[in-house]
Amino acid sequence: MLLKKLISAMTSAICLAVFSTSAIPTTAAEEHITQVNGTFIQPWLYATYDDDRWDAEMKIMKEIGIEYLIMGDVANHNTDGTWTVYYPSEIDYLRDYFAYDAIESCFITATNMI
C-alpha cells in the first residue's frame, strides 16, 4: 500500500515536471531541475514508525533515487495550547511535550543506508 502511494506521488511529480516544462523554451528548460531526488515526510506519518518501518521506507526511497528527505513539522503547537515535539528539544517550554525522537531514528537509519 505504501509503495503504491509512493509510486503514485512520484508519478504525479514526474508528470508535473514533464507537463510544466513542455511550454518553456528549450534554453530555459535546460536550466531547470530534470530529476526529482528529494521528498517531504510529515509527522502524522513518521510518528508511527519503528526501526523496521524506517528501514523499509529508507530502502524504498533509496531504490527510487531519493537523496534528500525533508521532515515536516518537528514541533506542532496544538489548538489546546500544548505542543507535540518529535525530537528532544532543549527549549524550556517544549521539554515537557516530547513525544518521539523521529530525527534520531531517521539519522540512524539513513547512516546505515550509506
C-alpha atoms as a PDB file:
ATOM      1  CA  MET A   1       0.000   0.000   0.000  1.00  0.00           C
ATOM      2  CA  LEU A   2       2.747   2.468   0.949  1.00  0.00           C
ATOM      3  CA  LEU A   3       4.755   1.542  -2.139  1.00  0.00           C
ATOM      4  CA  LYS A   4       1.684   2.241  -4.303  1.00  0.00           C
ATOM      5  CA  LYS A   5       1.234   5.653  -2.656  1.00  0.00           C
ATOM      6  CA  LEU A   6       4.914   6.462  -3.073  1.00  0.00           C
ATOM      7  CA  ILE A   7       4.893   5.405  -6.726  1.00  0.00           C
ATOM      8  CA  SER A   8       1.717   7.408  -7.294  1.00  0.00           C
ATOM      9  CA  ALA A   9       3.266  10.504  -5.708  1.00  0.00           C
ATOM     10  CA  MET A  10       6.455  10.134  -7.732  1.00  0.00           C
ATOM     11  CA  THR A  11       4.457   9.599 -10.940  1.00  0.00           C
ATOM     12  CA  SER A  12       2.484  12.761 -10.217  1.00  0.00           C
ATOM     13  CA  ALA A  13       5.671  14.699  -9.595  1.00  0.00           C
ATOM     14  CA  ILE A  14       7.224  13.424 -12.818  1.00  0.00           C
ATOM     15  CA  CYS A  15       4.085  14.246 -14.813  1.00  0.00           C
ATOM     16  CA  LEU A  16       4.014  17.704 -13.283  1.00  0.00           C
ATOM     17  CA  ALA A  17       7.661  18.226 -14.198  1.00  0.00           C
ATOM     18  CA  VAL A  18       7.133  16.982 -17.765  1.00  0.00           C
ATOM     19  CA  PHE A  19       3.965  18.958 -18.423  1.00  0.00           C
ATOM     20  CA  SER A  20       5.159  22.128 -16.728  1.00  0.00           C
ATOM     21  CA  THR A  21       8.371  22.263 -18.797  1.00  0.00           C
ATOM     22  CA  SER A  22       6.746  21.425 -22.147  1.00  0.00           C
ATOM     23  CA  ALA A  23       5.661  25.057 -22.653  1.00  0.00           C
ATOM     24  CA  ILE A  24       9.034  26.511 -21.600  1.00  0.00           C
ATOM     25  CA  PRO A  25      11.505  27.387 -24.345  1.00  0.00           C
ATOM     26  CA  THR A  26      14.316  24.843 -24.667  1.00  0.00           C
ATOM     27  CA  THR A  27      17.006  27.198 -23.390  1.00  0.00           C
ATOM     28  CA  ALA A  28      15.088  27.866 -20.165  1.00  0.00           C
ATOM     29  CA  ALA A  29      14.105  24.215 -19.695  1.00  0.00           C
ATOM     30  CA  GLU A  30      17.747  23.160 -19.884  1.00  0.00           C
ATOM     31  CA  GLU A  31      18.499  25.241 -16.800  1.00  0.00           C
ATOM     32  CA  HIS A  32      15.778  23.652 -14.655  1.00  0.00           C
ATOM     33  CA  ILE A  33      15.867  20.560 -12.482  1.00  0.00           C
ATOM     34  CA  THR A  34      15.208  17.440 -14.530  1.00  0.00           C
ATOM     35  CA  GLN A  35      15.292  14.859 -11.760  1.00  0.00           C
ATOM     36  CA  VAL A  36      13.282  14.508  -8.567  1.00  0.00           C
ATOM     37  CA  ASN A  37      15.676  13.352  -5.847  1.00  0.00           C
ATOM     38  CA  GLY A  38      14.039  14.624  -2.680  1.00  0.00           C
ATOM     39  CA  THR A  39      10.756  14.362  -0.828  1.00  0.00           C
ATOM     40  CA  PHE A  40       8.919  15.519   2.280  1.00  0.00           C
ATOM     41  CA  ILE A  41       7.578  13.436   5.144  1.00  0.00           C
ATOM     42  CA  GLN A  42       5.019  14.660   7.669  1.00  0.00           C
ATOM     43  CA  PRO A  43       4.910  13.949  11.427  1.00  0.00           C
ATOM     44  CA  TRP A  44       1.458  12.379  11.335  1.00  0.00           C
ATOM     45  CA  LEU A  45       3.088   9.678   9.220  1.00  0.00           C
ATOM     46  CA  TYR A  46       6.593   9.242  10.653  1.00  0.00           C
ATOM     47  CA  ALA A  47       5.421   9.423  14.287  1.00  0.00           C
ATOM     48  CA  THR A  48       4.165   5.854  13.893  1.00  0.00           C
ATOM     49  CA  TYR A  49       7.459   4.467  12.522  1.00  0.00           C
ATOM     50  CA  ASP A  50       9.547   1.979  14.459  1.00  0.00           C
ATOM     51  CA  ASP A  51      13.097   0.990  13.391  1.00  0.00           C
ATOM     52  CA  ASP A  52      11.851  -1.668  10.961  1.00  0.00           C
ATOM     53  CA  ARG A  53       9.486   0.783   9.291  1.00  0.00           C
ATOM     54  CA  TRP A  54      12.225   3.420   8.965  1.00  0.00           C
ATOM     55  CA  ASP A  55      14.457   0.776   7.347  1.00  0.00           C
ATOM     56  CA  ALA A  56      11.741  -0.213   4.879  1.00  0.00           C
ATOM     57  CA  GLU A  57      10.903   3.399   3.990  1.00  0.00           C
ATOM     58  CA  MET A  58      14.548   4.382   3.516  1.00  0.00           C
ATOM     59  CA  LYS A  59      15.207   1.350   1.309  1.00  0.00           C
ATOM     60  CA  ILE A  60      12.287   2.291  -0.930  1.00  0.00           C
ATOM     61  CA  MET A  61      13.456   5.898  -1.125  1.00  0.00           C
ATOM     62  CA  LYS A  62      16.994   4.818  -1.947  1.00  0.00           C
ATOM     63  CA  GLU A  63      15.718   2.461  -4.687  1.00  0.00           C
ATOM     64  CA  ILE A  64      13.825   5.257  -6.436  1.00  0.00           C
ATOM     65  CA  GLY A  65      16.695   7.746  -6.145  1.00  0.00           C
ATOM     66  CA  ILE A  66      15.646   9.899  -3.210  1.00  0.00           C
ATOM     67  CA  GLU A  67      18.723  11.621  -1.778  1.00  0.00           C
ATOM     68  CA  TYR A  68      17.063  14.308   0.330  1.00  0.00           C
ATOM     69  CA  LEU A  69      14.356  13.824   2.937  1.00  0.00           C
ATOM     70  CA  ILE A  70      12.766  16.923   4.412  1.00  0.00           C
ATOM     71  CA  MET A  71      10.921  16.284   7.639  1.00  0.00           C
ATOM     72  CA  GLY A  72       7.755  18.295   8.123  1.00  0.00           C
ATOM     73  CA  ASP A  73       6.966  19.911  11.441  1.00  0.00           C
ATOM     74  CA  VAL A  74       9.117  18.578  14.251  1.00  0.00           C
ATOM     75  CA  ALA A  75       7.185  20.604  16.830  1.00  0.00           C
ATOM     76  CA  ASN A  76       3.452  21.205  16.495  1.00  0.00           C
ATOM     77  CA  HIS A  77       1.530  23.779  18.513  1.00  0.00           C
ATOM     78  CA  ASN A  78      -1.851  22.173  19.209  1.00  0.00           C
ATOM     79  CA  THR A  79      -5.161  24.038  19.395  1.00  0.00           C
ATOM     80  CA  ASP A  80      -5.384  23.372  23.144  1.00  0.00           C
ATOM     81  CA  GLY A  81      -2.117  25.259  23.706  1.00  0.00           C
ATOM     82  CA  THR A  82       0.048  22.169  24.201  1.00  0.00           C
ATOM     83  CA  TRP A  83       2.829  21.043  21.915  1.00  0.00           C
ATOM     84  CA  THR A  84       3.771  17.744  20.301  1.00  0.00           C
ATOM     85  CA  VAL A  85       7.527  17.559  19.819  1.00  0.00           C
ATOM     86  CA  TYR A  86       9.294  14.916  17.697  1.00  0.00           C
ATOM     87  CA  TYR A  87      12.821  15.478  18.978  1.00  0.00           C
ATOM     88  CA  PRO A  88      14.347  16.006  22.457  1.00  0.00           C
ATOM     89  CA  SER A  89      14.163  19.805  22.476  1.00  0.00           C
ATOM     90  CA  GLU A  90      16.392  21.961  24.653  1.00  0.00           C
ATOM     91  CA  ILE A  91      13.846  24.776  24.527  1.00  0.00           C
ATOM     92  CA  ASP A  92      12.428  25.094  28.052  1.00  0.00           C
ATOM     93  CA  TYR A  93       8.738  25.302  27.174  1.00  0.00           C
ATOM     94  CA  LEU A  94       8.953  22.301  24.785  1.00  0.00           C
ATOM     95  CA  ARG A  95      10.774  19.822  27.035  1.00  0.00           C
ATOM     96  CA  ASP A  96       7.611  18.501  28.685  1.00  0.00           C
ATOM     97  CA  TYR A  97       5.943  17.744  25.341  1.00  0.00           C
ATOM     98  CA  PHE A  98       8.473  15.307  23.881  1.00  0.00           C
ATOM     99  CA  ALA A  99       6.602  12.525  22.037  1.00  0.00           C
ATOM    100  CA  TYR A 100       9.096  10.639  19.891  1.00  0.00           C
ATOM    101  CA  ASP A 101      12.639  11.194  18.608  1.00  0.00           C
ATOM    102  CA  ALA A 102      11.964  10.976  14.896  1.00  0.00           C
ATOM    103  CA  ILE A 103      15.088  12.882  13.940  1.00  0.00           C
ATOM    104  CA  GLU A 104      17.452  10.453  15.665  1.00  0.00           C
ATOM    105  CA  SER A 105      15.636   7.444  14.182  1.00  0.00           C
ATOM    106  CA  CYS A 106      15.790   8.979  10.730  1.00  0.00           C
ATOM    107  CA  PHE A 107      19.501   9.829  11.022  1.00  0.00           C
ATOM    108  CA  ILE A 108      20.460   6.378  12.308  1.00  0.00           C
ATOM    109  CA  THR A 109      18.568   4.658   9.512  1.00  0.00           C
ATOM    110  CA  ALA A 110      19.982   6.994   6.863  1.00  0.00           C
ATOM    111  CA  THR A 111      23.511   6.465   8.166  1.00  0.00           C
ATOM    112  CA  ASN A 112      23.044   2.696   7.982  1.00  0.00           C
ATOM    113  CA  MET A 113      21.986   3.040   4.336  1.00  0.00           C
ATOM    114  CA  ILE A 114      25.325   4.558   3.295  1.00  0.00           C
END
